[in-house]
């Protein structure tokens, strides 16, 4: 049987998995609407993205730039998979250099939409992202690859946070209204409001 599509699109009406089917830290229980993409599926997709990069790049060196903080887990897992490819490659291997920048475009549960990056140089640039969210302001760029295209929902997990919370989830999840209220502010020295 042929796969339906090579696209990794999560439909707008997709209900996800009930959080009780997964190991969710106790402090997030009751705060999640669903698990949108399980961690194992995320890791498998990252492995495929790394394979695609290796095939597209050939033996050209790459300079990988991680956008902190939400991109660190995807970045390290992707680079680890490219390095794994290098270990088993019989011909071409890829030299990898890495660096990090920090950008922020969210405050509480809203996006400022104000961060725009323009890179001008004599190099080839392509973008890999774990998620592309379908929003009115988002536009398709053929040079941007993604792990998953997701609905316009409030997603967290796999290092994507809400007020510094949820980075420690292994899955991509949707926060419910209770979760938004419970974790509305970040106070590192205090526990969030209890249920």
N, C-alpha and C. Protein backbone atom coordinates (compact mmCIF):
# COMPACT_ATOMS: atom_id res chain seq x y z
N UNK A 1 0.84 -1.17 0.00
CA UNK A 1 0.00 0.00 0.00
C UNK A 1 0.89 1.24 0.00
N UNK A 2 0.58 2.18 -0.87
CA UNK A 2 1.33 3.43 -0.99
C UNK A 2 0.96 4.38 0.15
N UNK A 3 1.95 5.13 0.69
CA UNK A 3 1.59 6.14 1.68
C UNK A 3 0.71 7.21 1.03
N UNK A 4 -0.16 7.80 1.81
CA UNK A 4 -1.08 8.80 1.30
C UNK A 4 -0.32 10.04 0.81
N UNK A 5 0.68 10.48 1.56
CA UNK A 5 1.39 11.70 1.21
C UNK A 5 2.77 11.68 1.83
N UNK A 6 3.71 12.36 1.18
CA UNK A 6 5.03 12.53 1.76
C UNK A 6 5.07 13.74 2.69
N UNK A 7 4.00 14.50 2.70
CA UNK A 7 3.92 15.66 3.59
C UNK A 7 3.65 15.19 5.01
N UNK A 8 4.20 15.89 5.97
CA UNK A 8 3.98 15.56 7.38
C UNK A 8 3.01 16.58 7.98
N UNK A 9 1.79 16.53 7.50
CA UNK A 9 0.78 17.51 7.89
C UNK A 9 -0.14 16.92 8.95
N UNK A 10 -0.30 17.64 10.04
CA UNK A 10 -1.26 17.28 11.07
C UNK A 10 -2.53 18.08 10.76
N UNK A 11 -3.61 17.38 10.47
CA UNK A 11 -4.87 18.02 10.04
C UNK A 11 -5.45 18.91 11.14
N UNK A 12 -6.17 19.93 10.72
CA UNK A 12 -6.80 20.86 11.67
C UNK A 12 -7.77 20.16 12.62
N UNK A 13 -8.46 19.14 12.13
CA UNK A 13 -9.45 18.45 12.96
C UNK A 13 -8.88 17.23 13.69
N UNK A 14 -7.57 17.03 13.63
CA UNK A 14 -6.93 15.91 14.31
C UNK A 14 -7.04 16.10 15.82
N UNK A 15 -7.53 15.09 16.52
CA UNK A 15 -7.77 15.20 17.97
C UNK A 15 -6.55 14.85 18.82
N UNK A 16 -5.53 14.24 18.23
CA UNK A 16 -4.35 13.87 18.99
C UNK A 16 -4.61 12.67 19.89
N UNK A 17 -3.67 12.42 20.79
CA UNK A 17 -3.76 11.30 21.73
C UNK A 17 -4.05 11.83 23.13
N UNK A 18 -4.78 11.07 23.89
CA UNK A 18 -5.06 11.47 25.27
C UNK A 18 -3.74 11.44 26.06
N UNK A 19 -3.44 12.47 26.84
CA UNK A 19 -2.19 12.51 27.59
C UNK A 19 -1.98 11.32 28.53
N UNK A 20 -3.06 10.67 28.98
CA UNK A 20 -2.92 9.53 29.90
C UNK A 20 -2.24 8.33 29.25
N UNK A 21 -2.12 8.31 27.92
CA UNK A 21 -1.43 7.22 27.23
C UNK A 21 0.09 7.36 27.29
N UNK A 22 0.59 8.47 27.84
CA UNK A 22 2.02 8.78 27.81
C UNK A 22 2.53 9.11 29.20
N UNK A 23 3.84 9.05 29.35
CA UNK A 23 4.48 9.48 30.60
C UNK A 23 4.60 11.00 30.55
N UNK A 24 3.75 11.65 31.30
CA UNK A 24 3.73 13.11 31.38
C UNK A 24 4.12 13.48 32.81
N UNK A 25 5.07 14.42 32.99
CA UNK A 25 5.42 14.81 34.35
C UNK A 25 4.19 15.25 35.14
N UNK A 26 4.18 14.88 36.41
CA UNK A 26 3.03 15.15 37.28
C UNK A 26 2.65 16.63 37.30
N UNK A 27 3.64 17.51 37.25
CA UNK A 27 3.33 18.94 37.32
C UNK A 27 2.59 19.46 36.08
N UNK A 28 2.51 18.67 35.01
CA UNK A 28 1.76 19.08 33.81
C UNK A 28 0.43 18.33 33.66
N UNK A 29 0.17 17.39 34.54
CA UNK A 29 -1.07 16.63 34.43
C UNK A 29 -2.27 17.56 34.60
N UNK A 30 -3.23 17.42 33.71
CA UNK A 30 -4.42 18.26 33.71
C UNK A 30 -4.25 19.54 32.91
N UNK A 31 -3.02 19.83 32.45
CA UNK A 31 -2.74 21.08 31.73
C UNK A 31 -2.67 20.89 30.22
N UNK A 32 -2.81 19.64 29.76
CA UNK A 32 -2.67 19.36 28.33
C UNK A 32 -3.98 18.89 27.73
N UNK A 33 -4.32 19.46 26.59
CA UNK A 33 -5.49 19.02 25.85
C UNK A 33 -5.21 17.66 25.20
N UNK A 34 -4.03 17.53 24.57
CA UNK A 34 -3.68 16.27 23.91
C UNK A 34 -2.20 16.24 23.59
N UNK A 35 -1.73 15.05 23.26
CA UNK A 35 -0.40 14.87 22.67
C UNK A 35 -0.62 14.91 21.17
N UNK A 36 -0.09 15.93 20.53
CA UNK A 36 -0.29 16.11 19.10
C UNK A 36 0.64 15.21 18.29
N UNK A 37 1.92 15.19 18.66
CA UNK A 37 2.91 14.34 17.99
C UNK A 37 3.73 13.65 19.07
N UNK A 38 3.62 12.33 19.21
CA UNK A 38 4.41 11.62 20.22
C UNK A 38 5.92 11.75 19.97
N UNK A 39 6.68 11.73 21.06
CA UNK A 39 8.12 11.89 20.98
C UNK A 39 8.81 10.92 20.05
N UNK A 40 8.38 9.66 20.02
CA UNK A 40 8.99 8.68 19.12
C UNK A 40 8.79 9.04 17.66
N UNK A 41 7.63 9.56 17.32
CA UNK A 41 7.35 10.00 15.95
C UNK A 41 8.22 11.21 15.61
N UNK A 42 8.39 12.12 16.58
CA UNK A 42 9.26 13.28 16.38
C UNK A 42 10.67 12.81 16.07
N UNK A 43 11.19 11.89 16.86
CA UNK A 43 12.56 11.40 16.65
C UNK A 43 12.72 10.71 15.30
N UNK A 44 11.74 9.91 14.90
CA UNK A 44 11.81 9.25 13.59
C UNK A 44 11.81 10.28 12.46
N UNK A 45 10.99 11.31 12.60
CA UNK A 45 10.92 12.36 11.57
C UNK A 45 12.24 13.11 11.49
N UNK A 46 12.87 13.38 12.64
CA UNK A 46 14.16 14.06 12.66
C UNK A 46 15.22 13.21 11.97
N UNK A 47 15.19 11.92 12.19
CA UNK A 47 16.14 11.03 11.52
C UNK A 47 15.99 11.13 10.00
N UNK A 48 14.74 11.19 9.52
CA UNK A 48 14.49 11.32 8.08
C UNK A 48 14.95 12.68 7.56
N UNK A 49 14.71 13.74 8.32
CA UNK A 49 15.19 15.06 7.92
C UNK A 49 16.71 15.08 7.80
N UNK A 50 17.40 14.43 8.73
CA UNK A 50 18.87 14.36 8.68
C UNK A 50 19.33 13.61 7.44
N UNK A 51 18.65 12.53 7.11
CA UNK A 51 18.98 11.78 5.90
C UNK A 51 18.78 12.67 4.67
N UNK A 52 17.69 13.41 4.63
CA UNK A 52 17.43 14.32 3.50
C UNK A 52 18.51 15.39 3.40
N UNK A 53 18.93 15.94 4.54
CA UNK A 53 20.01 16.94 4.55
C UNK A 53 21.27 16.33 3.97
N UNK A 54 21.63 15.15 4.44
CA UNK A 54 22.85 14.49 3.98
C UNK A 54 22.80 14.26 2.47
N UNK A 55 21.66 13.86 1.96
CA UNK A 55 21.53 13.63 0.52
C UNK A 55 21.55 14.94 -0.26
N UNK A 56 20.94 15.99 0.28
CA UNK A 56 20.91 17.28 -0.41
C UNK A 56 22.26 17.98 -0.39
N UNK A 57 22.96 17.91 0.73
CA UNK A 57 24.22 18.63 0.92
C UNK A 57 25.39 17.91 0.24
N UNK A 58 25.35 16.60 0.24
CA UNK A 58 26.50 15.85 -0.29
C UNK A 58 27.64 15.92 0.70
N UNK A 59 28.81 16.34 0.22
CA UNK A 59 29.97 16.42 1.12
C UNK A 59 30.33 17.86 1.46
N UNK A 60 29.43 18.80 1.16
CA UNK A 60 29.68 20.20 1.49
C UNK A 60 29.63 20.40 3.00
N UNK A 61 30.53 21.22 3.56
CA UNK A 61 30.45 21.49 5.00
C UNK A 61 29.21 22.34 5.30
N UNK A 62 28.68 22.18 6.51
CA UNK A 62 27.53 23.00 6.90
C UNK A 62 27.85 23.75 8.20
N UNK A 63 27.29 24.93 8.29
CA UNK A 63 27.34 25.73 9.50
C UNK A 63 25.92 25.77 10.02
N UNK A 64 25.68 25.11 11.13
CA UNK A 64 24.33 24.99 11.68
C UNK A 64 24.15 26.02 12.79
N UNK A 65 23.08 26.80 12.69
CA UNK A 65 22.79 27.85 13.65
C UNK A 65 21.50 27.50 14.39
N UNK A 66 21.60 27.35 15.70
CA UNK A 66 20.44 26.99 16.52
C UNK A 66 19.82 28.26 17.10
N UNK A 67 18.51 28.36 16.98
CA UNK A 67 17.78 29.47 17.59
C UNK A 67 17.29 28.99 18.96
N UNK A 68 17.88 29.58 20.01
CA UNK A 68 17.55 29.22 21.38
C UNK A 68 16.30 29.96 21.82
N UNK A 69 15.58 29.53 22.76
CA UNK A 69 15.78 28.32 23.53
C UNK A 69 14.96 27.17 22.95
N UNK A 70 13.84 27.49 22.33
CA UNK A 70 12.91 26.46 21.89
C UNK A 70 13.44 25.51 20.84
N UNK A 71 14.50 25.90 20.14
CA UNK A 71 15.02 25.03 19.08
C UNK A 71 16.12 24.10 19.51
N UNK A 72 16.57 24.18 20.78
CA UNK A 72 17.76 23.44 21.16
C UNK A 72 17.59 21.92 21.04
N UNK A 73 16.47 21.38 21.43
CA UNK A 73 16.30 19.92 21.41
C UNK A 73 16.22 19.40 19.98
N UNK A 74 15.43 20.05 19.14
CA UNK A 74 15.35 19.69 17.73
C UNK A 74 16.73 19.81 17.09
N UNK A 75 17.43 20.90 17.38
CA UNK A 75 18.76 21.14 16.82
C UNK A 75 19.74 20.04 17.21
N UNK A 76 19.83 19.75 18.51
CA UNK A 76 20.80 18.73 18.93
C UNK A 76 20.44 17.35 18.39
N UNK A 77 19.16 17.02 18.37
CA UNK A 77 18.76 15.72 17.82
C UNK A 77 19.04 15.64 16.33
N UNK A 78 18.80 16.74 15.60
CA UNK A 78 19.07 16.75 14.16
C UNK A 78 20.56 16.63 13.87
N UNK A 79 21.38 17.40 14.58
CA UNK A 79 22.83 17.34 14.39
C UNK A 79 23.35 15.95 14.77
N UNK A 80 22.84 15.37 15.86
CA UNK A 80 23.24 14.01 16.24
C UNK A 80 22.93 13.01 15.13
N UNK A 81 21.79 13.17 14.47
CA UNK A 81 21.43 12.25 13.38
C UNK A 81 22.33 12.47 12.16
N UNK A 82 22.70 13.71 11.86
CA UNK A 82 23.63 13.96 10.75
C UNK A 82 24.99 13.35 11.09
N UNK A 83 25.42 13.49 12.35
CA UNK A 83 26.69 12.87 12.77
C UNK A 83 26.61 11.35 12.66
N UNK A 84 25.47 10.78 13.01
CA UNK A 84 25.28 9.34 12.88
C UNK A 84 25.40 8.92 11.42
N UNK A 85 24.82 9.72 10.53
CA UNK A 85 24.95 9.47 9.10
C UNK A 85 26.43 9.46 8.71
N UNK A 86 27.21 10.42 9.25
CA UNK A 86 28.64 10.48 8.96
C UNK A 86 29.36 9.21 9.39
N UNK A 87 28.95 8.63 10.51
CA UNK A 87 29.61 7.42 11.01
C UNK A 87 29.46 6.25 10.05
N UNK A 88 28.34 6.19 9.36
CA UNK A 88 28.05 5.03 8.51
C UNK A 88 28.19 5.32 7.02
N UNK A 89 28.53 6.56 6.67
CA UNK A 89 28.67 6.91 5.25
C UNK A 89 29.88 6.21 4.65
N UNK A 90 29.71 5.69 3.46
CA UNK A 90 30.82 5.02 2.79
C UNK A 90 31.58 5.96 1.87
N UNK A 91 30.96 7.07 1.48
CA UNK A 91 31.64 8.02 0.59
C UNK A 91 31.67 9.41 1.21
N UNK A 92 30.61 10.13 1.07
CA UNK A 92 30.59 11.54 1.48
C UNK A 92 30.25 11.68 2.96
N UNK A 93 31.04 12.48 3.64
CA UNK A 93 30.70 12.86 5.01
C UNK A 93 30.57 14.38 5.05
N UNK A 94 29.91 14.86 6.06
CA UNK A 94 29.61 16.29 6.16
C UNK A 94 30.32 16.87 7.37
N UNK A 95 31.14 17.89 7.13
CA UNK A 95 31.78 18.60 8.24
C UNK A 95 30.76 19.58 8.81
N UNK A 96 30.60 19.57 10.12
CA UNK A 96 29.57 20.37 10.77
C UNK A 96 30.20 21.34 11.76
N UNK A 97 29.84 22.61 11.64
CA UNK A 97 30.17 23.63 12.64
C UNK A 97 28.84 24.13 13.20
N UNK A 98 28.83 24.47 14.48
CA UNK A 98 27.58 24.92 15.09
C UNK A 98 27.77 26.23 15.85
N UNK A 99 26.69 26.96 15.96
CA UNK A 99 26.66 28.17 16.78
C UNK A 99 25.21 28.38 17.23
N UNK A 100 25.01 29.35 18.11
CA UNK A 100 23.71 29.56 18.73
C UNK A 100 23.37 31.04 18.77
N UNK A 101 22.07 31.35 18.58
CA UNK A 101 21.56 32.69 18.79
C UNK A 101 20.28 32.56 19.60
N UNK A 102 19.86 33.66 20.20
CA UNK A 102 18.62 33.63 20.97
C UNK A 102 17.68 34.71 20.45
N UNK A 103 16.48 34.29 20.10
CA UNK A 103 15.43 35.19 19.65
C UNK A 103 14.18 34.90 20.47
N UNK A 104 13.35 35.91 20.65
CA UNK A 104 12.11 35.71 21.39
C UNK A 104 11.00 36.48 20.70
N UNK A 105 9.89 35.80 20.46
CA UNK A 105 8.76 36.47 19.80
C UNK A 105 7.45 36.25 20.54
N UNK A 106 7.52 35.68 21.75
CA UNK A 106 6.29 35.40 22.50
C UNK A 106 6.34 36.05 23.88
N UNK A 107 5.18 36.48 24.32
CA UNK A 107 5.01 36.94 25.70
C UNK A 107 3.69 36.37 26.16
N UNK A 108 3.72 35.67 27.29
CA UNK A 108 2.54 34.94 27.78
C UNK A 108 2.06 34.00 26.68
N UNK A 109 0.79 34.08 26.28
CA UNK A 109 0.29 33.13 25.29
C UNK A 109 0.10 33.76 23.91
N UNK A 110 0.76 34.88 23.65
CA UNK A 110 0.63 35.53 22.35
C UNK A 110 1.96 35.71 21.66
N UNK A 111 1.91 35.77 20.34
CA UNK A 111 3.10 36.01 19.54
C UNK A 111 3.15 37.48 19.18
N UNK A 112 4.33 38.07 19.33
CA UNK A 112 4.47 39.47 18.93
C UNK A 112 4.51 39.59 17.42
N UNK A 113 4.98 38.53 16.75
CA UNK A 113 5.10 38.55 15.31
C UNK A 113 6.14 39.55 14.83
N UNK A 114 6.96 40.06 15.76
CA UNK A 114 7.90 41.12 15.43
C UNK A 114 9.29 40.66 15.02
N UNK A 115 9.64 39.40 15.21
CA UNK A 115 10.99 38.95 14.92
C UNK A 115 11.11 38.60 13.45
N UNK A 116 11.96 39.34 12.76
CA UNK A 116 12.25 39.04 11.37
C UNK A 116 13.76 39.04 11.23
N UNK A 117 14.30 38.00 10.61
CA UNK A 117 15.73 37.86 10.46
C UNK A 117 16.07 37.94 8.98
N UNK A 118 17.02 38.79 8.67
CA UNK A 118 17.50 38.88 7.29
C UNK A 118 18.99 38.58 7.32
N UNK A 119 19.40 37.58 6.59
CA UNK A 119 20.81 37.23 6.49
C UNK A 119 21.33 37.59 5.11
N UNK A 120 22.38 38.39 5.07
CA UNK A 120 22.94 38.79 3.79
C UNK A 120 24.39 38.35 3.77
N UNK A 121 24.69 37.46 2.85
CA UNK A 121 26.05 36.95 2.74
C UNK A 121 26.17 36.22 1.42
N UNK A 122 27.36 35.77 1.13
CA UNK A 122 27.61 35.03 -0.11
C UNK A 122 27.55 33.53 0.15
N UNK A 123 26.47 33.10 0.76
CA UNK A 123 26.35 31.68 1.10
C UNK A 123 24.94 31.20 0.78
N UNK A 124 24.81 29.90 0.75
CA UNK A 124 23.51 29.28 0.56
C UNK A 124 22.87 29.08 1.93
N UNK A 125 21.61 29.46 2.06
CA UNK A 125 20.92 29.36 3.35
C UNK A 125 19.65 28.55 3.16
N UNK A 126 19.44 27.59 4.05
CA UNK A 126 18.14 26.92 4.09
C UNK A 126 17.74 26.74 5.54
N UNK A 127 16.46 26.62 5.75
CA UNK A 127 15.91 26.56 7.10
C UNK A 127 15.25 25.22 7.35
N UNK A 128 15.52 24.65 8.51
CA UNK A 128 14.85 23.44 8.98
C UNK A 128 14.15 23.81 10.28
N UNK A 129 12.91 23.45 10.40
CA UNK A 129 12.19 23.70 11.63
C UNK A 129 11.41 22.46 12.02
N UNK A 130 11.27 22.21 13.30
CA UNK A 130 10.49 21.06 13.74
C UNK A 130 9.03 21.24 13.36
N UNK A 131 8.50 22.44 13.59
CA UNK A 131 7.08 22.70 13.32
C UNK A 131 6.90 23.94 12.46
N UNK A 132 5.94 23.87 11.57
CA UNK A 132 5.44 25.05 10.88
C UNK A 132 3.97 25.12 11.21
N UNK A 133 3.57 26.24 11.81
CA UNK A 133 2.17 26.39 12.22
C UNK A 133 1.38 27.08 11.11
N UNK A 134 0.22 26.52 10.81
CA UNK A 134 -0.65 27.13 9.80
C UNK A 134 -1.40 28.30 10.44
N UNK A 135 -0.94 29.50 10.16
CA UNK A 135 -1.60 30.71 10.66
C UNK A 135 -1.86 31.64 9.49
N UNK A 136 -2.68 32.64 9.71
CA UNK A 136 -3.00 33.60 8.65
C UNK A 136 -1.75 34.35 8.18
N UNK A 137 -0.87 34.68 9.11
CA UNK A 137 0.32 35.45 8.76
C UNK A 137 1.47 34.63 8.21
N UNK A 138 1.39 33.32 8.32
CA UNK A 138 2.46 32.46 7.84
C UNK A 138 2.39 32.34 6.33
N UNK A 139 3.52 32.33 5.69
CA UNK A 139 3.54 32.13 4.25
C UNK A 139 4.52 31.02 3.93
N UNK A 140 4.25 30.31 2.85
CA UNK A 140 5.06 29.17 2.47
C UNK A 140 6.35 29.63 1.82
N UNK A 141 7.45 29.05 2.26
CA UNK A 141 8.75 29.30 1.64
C UNK A 141 9.30 27.98 1.16
N UNK A 142 9.56 27.85 -0.13
CA UNK A 142 10.04 26.57 -0.65
C UNK A 142 11.41 26.16 -0.11
N UNK A 143 12.20 27.11 0.41
CA UNK A 143 13.51 26.77 0.94
C UNK A 143 13.46 26.38 2.42
N UNK A 144 12.29 26.35 3.01
CA UNK A 144 12.12 26.00 4.42
C UNK A 144 11.52 24.60 4.53
N UNK A 145 12.22 23.74 5.24
CA UNK A 145 11.73 22.38 5.45
C UNK A 145 11.26 22.27 6.89
N UNK A 146 10.29 21.41 7.11
CA UNK A 146 9.81 21.24 8.47
C UNK A 146 9.56 19.77 8.77
N UNK A 147 9.60 19.48 10.06
CA UNK A 147 9.26 18.13 10.50
C UNK A 147 7.77 17.89 10.38
N UNK A 148 6.98 18.86 10.84
CA UNK A 148 5.53 18.72 10.85
C UNK A 148 4.87 20.07 10.59
N UNK A 149 3.82 20.05 9.80
CA UNK A 149 2.97 21.22 9.65
C UNK A 149 1.78 20.99 10.57
N UNK A 150 1.57 21.93 11.50
CA UNK A 150 0.56 21.72 12.54
C UNK A 150 -0.52 22.81 12.49
N UNK A 151 -1.70 22.51 13.07
CA UNK A 151 -2.77 23.52 13.12
C UNK A 151 -2.38 24.71 14.00
N UNK A 152 -3.12 25.77 13.86
CA UNK A 152 -2.89 26.98 14.65
C UNK A 152 -3.43 26.78 16.06
N UNK A 153 -2.71 25.99 16.84
CA UNK A 153 -3.05 25.69 18.23
C UNK A 153 -1.85 26.08 19.10
N UNK A 154 -2.06 26.15 20.40
CA UNK A 154 -0.99 26.51 21.32
C UNK A 154 -0.17 25.26 21.64
N UNK A 155 0.93 25.07 20.91
CA UNK A 155 1.74 23.86 21.08
C UNK A 155 2.93 24.11 21.99
N UNK A 156 3.28 23.06 22.73
CA UNK A 156 4.43 23.08 23.64
C UNK A 156 5.09 21.71 23.59
N UNK A 157 6.22 21.62 24.25
CA UNK A 157 6.93 20.35 24.38
C UNK A 157 8.07 20.25 23.40
N UNK A 158 8.92 19.26 23.62
CA UNK A 158 10.11 19.06 22.81
C UNK A 158 10.92 20.36 22.76
N UNK A 159 11.03 21.00 23.91
CA UNK A 159 11.77 22.24 24.17
C UNK A 159 11.01 23.51 23.81
N UNK A 160 9.83 23.38 23.23
CA UNK A 160 9.00 24.55 22.95
C UNK A 160 8.24 24.87 24.24
N UNK A 161 8.34 26.12 24.69
CA UNK A 161 7.83 26.44 26.03
C UNK A 161 6.61 27.35 26.01
N UNK A 162 6.04 27.47 27.17
CA UNK A 162 5.07 28.51 27.50
C UNK A 162 5.54 29.09 28.82
N UNK A 163 6.06 30.31 28.80
CA UNK A 163 6.60 30.97 30.00
C UNK A 163 7.65 30.11 30.70
N UNK A 164 8.50 29.49 29.92
CA UNK A 164 9.60 28.63 30.39
C UNK A 164 9.15 27.27 30.91
N UNK A 165 7.88 26.97 30.84
CA UNK A 165 7.38 25.65 31.23
C UNK A 165 7.20 24.79 29.99
N UNK A 166 7.10 23.51 30.18
CA UNK A 166 6.82 22.49 29.16
C UNK A 166 8.03 22.13 28.30
N UNK A 167 9.18 22.76 28.46
CA UNK A 167 10.35 22.40 27.67
C UNK A 167 10.76 20.94 27.91
N UNK A 168 10.44 20.43 29.09
CA UNK A 168 10.87 19.09 29.48
C UNK A 168 9.92 17.99 29.01
N UNK A 169 8.90 18.32 28.25
CA UNK A 169 8.02 17.28 27.69
C UNK A 169 8.70 16.62 26.49
N UNK A 170 8.58 15.32 26.39
CA UNK A 170 9.18 14.60 25.26
C UNK A 170 8.31 14.61 24.02
N UNK A 171 7.10 15.10 24.12
CA UNK A 171 6.13 15.07 23.03
C UNK A 171 5.73 16.50 22.66
N UNK A 172 5.19 16.67 21.45
CA UNK A 172 4.59 17.95 21.07
C UNK A 172 3.13 17.87 21.49
N UNK A 173 2.71 18.81 22.33
CA UNK A 173 1.37 18.77 22.93
C UNK A 173 0.65 20.09 22.72
N UNK A 174 -0.66 20.05 22.96
CA UNK A 174 -1.47 21.26 22.96
C UNK A 174 -1.86 21.55 24.40
N UNK A 175 -1.65 22.80 24.82
CA UNK A 175 -2.00 23.23 26.18
C UNK A 175 -3.49 23.56 26.22
N UNK A 176 -4.16 23.14 27.29
CA UNK A 176 -5.57 23.51 27.45
C UNK A 176 -5.69 24.83 28.21
N UNK A 177 -6.91 25.31 28.39
CA UNK A 177 -7.13 26.60 29.06
C UNK A 177 -6.65 26.57 30.51
N UNK A 178 -6.86 25.44 31.19
CA UNK A 178 -6.38 25.32 32.56
C UNK A 178 -4.85 25.46 32.60
N UNK A 179 -4.17 24.83 31.66
CA UNK A 179 -2.71 24.91 31.59
C UNK A 179 -2.23 26.32 31.33
N UNK A 180 -2.94 27.05 30.47
CA UNK A 180 -2.56 28.44 30.20
C UNK A 180 -2.67 29.28 31.46
N UNK A 181 -3.72 29.06 32.24
CA UNK A 181 -3.90 29.82 33.48
C UNK A 181 -2.88 29.40 34.54
N UNK A 182 -2.69 28.10 34.68
CA UNK A 182 -1.79 27.58 35.71
C UNK A 182 -0.36 28.06 35.50
N UNK A 183 0.07 28.14 34.25
CA UNK A 183 1.46 28.50 33.96
C UNK A 183 1.56 29.88 33.31
N UNK A 184 0.63 30.77 33.67
CA UNK A 184 0.57 32.10 33.04
C UNK A 184 1.79 32.96 33.33
N UNK A 185 2.47 32.74 34.42
CA UNK A 185 3.66 33.53 34.74
C UNK A 185 4.78 32.60 35.14
N UNK A 186 6.00 33.10 34.97
CA UNK A 186 7.18 32.31 35.30
C UNK A 186 7.84 32.88 36.55
N UNK A 187 7.83 32.09 37.62
CA UNK A 187 8.51 32.45 38.85
C UNK A 187 9.43 31.30 39.22
N UNK A 188 10.72 31.39 38.87
CA UNK A 188 11.61 30.25 39.10
C UNK A 188 11.75 29.83 40.55
N UNK A 189 11.52 30.73 41.49
CA UNK A 189 11.70 30.37 42.90
C UNK A 189 10.43 29.84 43.55
N UNK A 190 9.30 29.85 42.83
CA UNK A 190 8.04 29.39 43.40
C UNK A 190 7.44 28.30 42.53
N UNK A 191 6.61 27.51 43.16
CA UNK A 191 5.84 26.53 42.40
C UNK A 191 4.64 27.23 41.78
N UNK A 192 4.21 26.77 40.56
CA UNK A 192 3.01 27.37 39.99
C UNK A 192 1.79 27.02 40.83
N UNK A 193 0.72 27.74 40.63
CA UNK A 193 -0.53 27.51 41.35
C UNK A 193 -0.91 26.05 41.22
N UNK A 194 -1.28 25.45 42.31
CA UNK A 194 -1.65 24.02 42.29
C UNK A 194 -3.10 23.85 41.87
N UNK A 195 -3.41 22.63 41.40
CA UNK A 195 -4.78 22.30 40.97
C UNK A 195 -5.72 22.34 42.14
